[in-house]
Protein backbone atom coordinates (compact mmCIF):
# COMPACT_ATOMS: atom_id res chain seq x y z
CA MET A 1 18.49 -13.35 17.04
CA ALA A 2 18.05 -13.96 13.34
CA TYR A 3 18.24 -11.12 10.83
CA THR A 4 14.76 -10.24 8.64
CA LEU A 5 14.48 -9.18 5.14
CA THR A 6 10.96 -7.59 4.87
CA VAL A 7 9.63 -7.60 1.41
CA LEU A 8 6.27 -5.40 0.78
CA TYR A 9 3.93 -4.84 -2.07
CA PRO A 10 2.17 -1.68 -2.08
CA ASN A 11 -1.74 -1.86 -2.20
CA GLU A 12 -2.48 0.84 -5.38
CA THR A 13 -5.43 0.50 -7.20
CA ASP A 14 -3.68 -0.35 -10.36
CA ALA A 15 -1.95 -3.27 -8.53
CA LYS A 16 -2.00 -6.88 -9.85
CA TYR A 17 -0.60 -10.02 -8.06
CA ASN A 18 -0.97 -13.67 -8.66
CA LEU A 19 -0.48 -14.73 -4.85
CA ASP A 20 -0.59 -18.63 -6.17
CA TYR A 21 2.20 -17.88 -8.25
CA TYR A 22 4.14 -16.13 -5.75
CA ILE A 23 3.99 -18.98 -3.25
CA SER A 24 4.30 -21.58 -5.34
CA ASN A 25 6.87 -20.51 -7.88
CA HIS A 26 8.52 -17.41 -6.48
CA MET A 27 9.20 -18.41 -3.17
CA PRO A 28 10.76 -21.93 -3.69
CA LEU A 29 13.01 -19.90 -6.66
CA VAL A 30 14.14 -17.65 -3.64
CA GLU A 31 15.01 -20.69 -1.47
CA ARG A 32 16.72 -22.82 -4.03
CA HIS A 33 18.95 -19.99 -5.19
CA TRP A 34 19.63 -18.26 -1.77
CA LYS A 35 19.46 -20.84 0.84
CA LYS A 36 23.26 -21.36 0.37
CA TYR A 37 23.35 -17.72 1.48
CA GLY A 38 21.90 -18.40 4.82
CA ILE A 39 17.95 -18.25 4.25
CA GLN A 40 16.45 -19.95 7.79
CA SER A 41 12.85 -19.65 6.74
CA TRP A 42 9.98 -17.62 5.06
CA SER A 43 6.40 -16.64 5.54
CA VAL A 44 3.88 -14.85 3.27
CA THR A 45 0.95 -12.52 4.61
CA ARG A 46 -1.75 -11.20 2.52
CA TYR A 47 -2.99 -8.15 4.49
CA ASN A 48 -6.32 -6.81 5.47
CA PRO A 49 -8.20 -3.97 6.04
CA ALA A 50 -7.38 -2.16 9.27
CA VAL A 51 -9.51 -2.50 12.28
CA ASP A 52 -11.08 0.68 11.48
CA GLY A 53 -11.86 -0.55 7.99
CA THR A 54 -9.04 1.46 6.11
CA ARG A 55 -7.32 0.15 2.92
CA PRO A 56 -3.90 -1.39 4.24
CA LEU A 57 -0.64 0.27 2.79
CA TYR A 58 0.50 -3.20 1.53
CA THR A 59 -1.30 -6.05 -0.19
CA ILE A 60 1.11 -8.67 0.40
CA GLY A 61 4.55 -9.17 3.03
CA CYS A 62 6.98 -11.77 2.76
CA ILE A 63 9.36 -12.19 5.95
CA ILE A 64 12.56 -14.14 4.95
CA ALA A 65 14.73 -15.02 8.09
CA TRP A 66 18.38 -15.21 7.55
CA GLU A 67 21.72 -16.24 9.86
CA SER A 68 23.24 -12.36 9.27
CA GLU A 69 22.83 -8.98 7.72
CA GLU A 70 26.05 -10.03 5.58
CA SER A 71 24.11 -13.33 4.31
CA ILE A 72 21.53 -11.07 2.85
CA GLN A 73 23.77 -8.51 1.14
CA GLU A 74 25.77 -11.24 -0.43
CA ALA A 75 22.73 -12.79 -1.94
CA PHE A 76 21.62 -9.79 -3.34
CA LYS A 77 25.15 -9.13 -5.16
CA GLY A 78 25.35 -13.25 -5.86
CA PRO A 79 25.08 -14.23 -9.39
CA GLU A 80 21.17 -15.68 -8.77
CA ALA A 81 19.75 -12.21 -7.93
CA ALA A 82 19.22 -11.11 -11.22
CA GLU A 83 17.10 -14.08 -11.67
CA VAL A 84 15.41 -14.00 -8.51
CA LEU A 85 14.40 -10.27 -9.00
CA SER A 86 13.79 -10.30 -12.78
CA ASP A 87 10.86 -13.01 -11.58
CA VAL A 88 9.05 -10.06 -9.82
CA SER A 89 7.35 -9.29 -13.10
CA ASN A 90 5.81 -12.96 -13.35
CA PHE A 91 3.35 -12.10 -10.54
CA SER A 92 3.13 -8.47 -9.77
CA ASN A 93 3.20 -5.21 -11.99
CA LYS A 94 4.75 -3.43 -8.79
CA GLN A 95 8.10 -3.43 -7.46
CA PRO A 96 8.78 -4.68 -3.69
CA ILE A 97 10.11 -2.17 -0.97
CA PHE A 98 12.77 -4.27 0.91
CA LEU A 99 13.51 -3.74 4.88
CA ILE A 100 16.32 -5.29 6.55
CA GLY A 101 16.41 -5.68 10.11
CA LYS A 102 17.70 -7.66 13.25
CA GLY A 103 15.16 -9.00 15.53
CA VAL A 104 15.50 -7.75 19.14
CA ALA A 105 12.89 -9.42 21.23
CA LYS A 106 10.65 -12.93 20.67
CA THR A 107 8.53 -14.81 23.05
């Protein structure tokens, strides 16, 4: 199974997000710079309130599928990482949370 990098953006009252920029500019930048490291696909989700109406912990999430955990690590250590990570400030005033995992089941 593929490895995933889940990127979560906090749903804090002072958070600002430009989702159009994220999808149209940031994610193509990520793909352009890191595809050579093994990106297979990506998706972006905007979270709604929970079924009981409570505010979600995160506003936006992105899941990037990779060939291996090592490929994720290589991308973050590569020379392109600085440009990719510094671009966050162009669409948000919050820093993301990164989670790395290996898929264990799929239908």
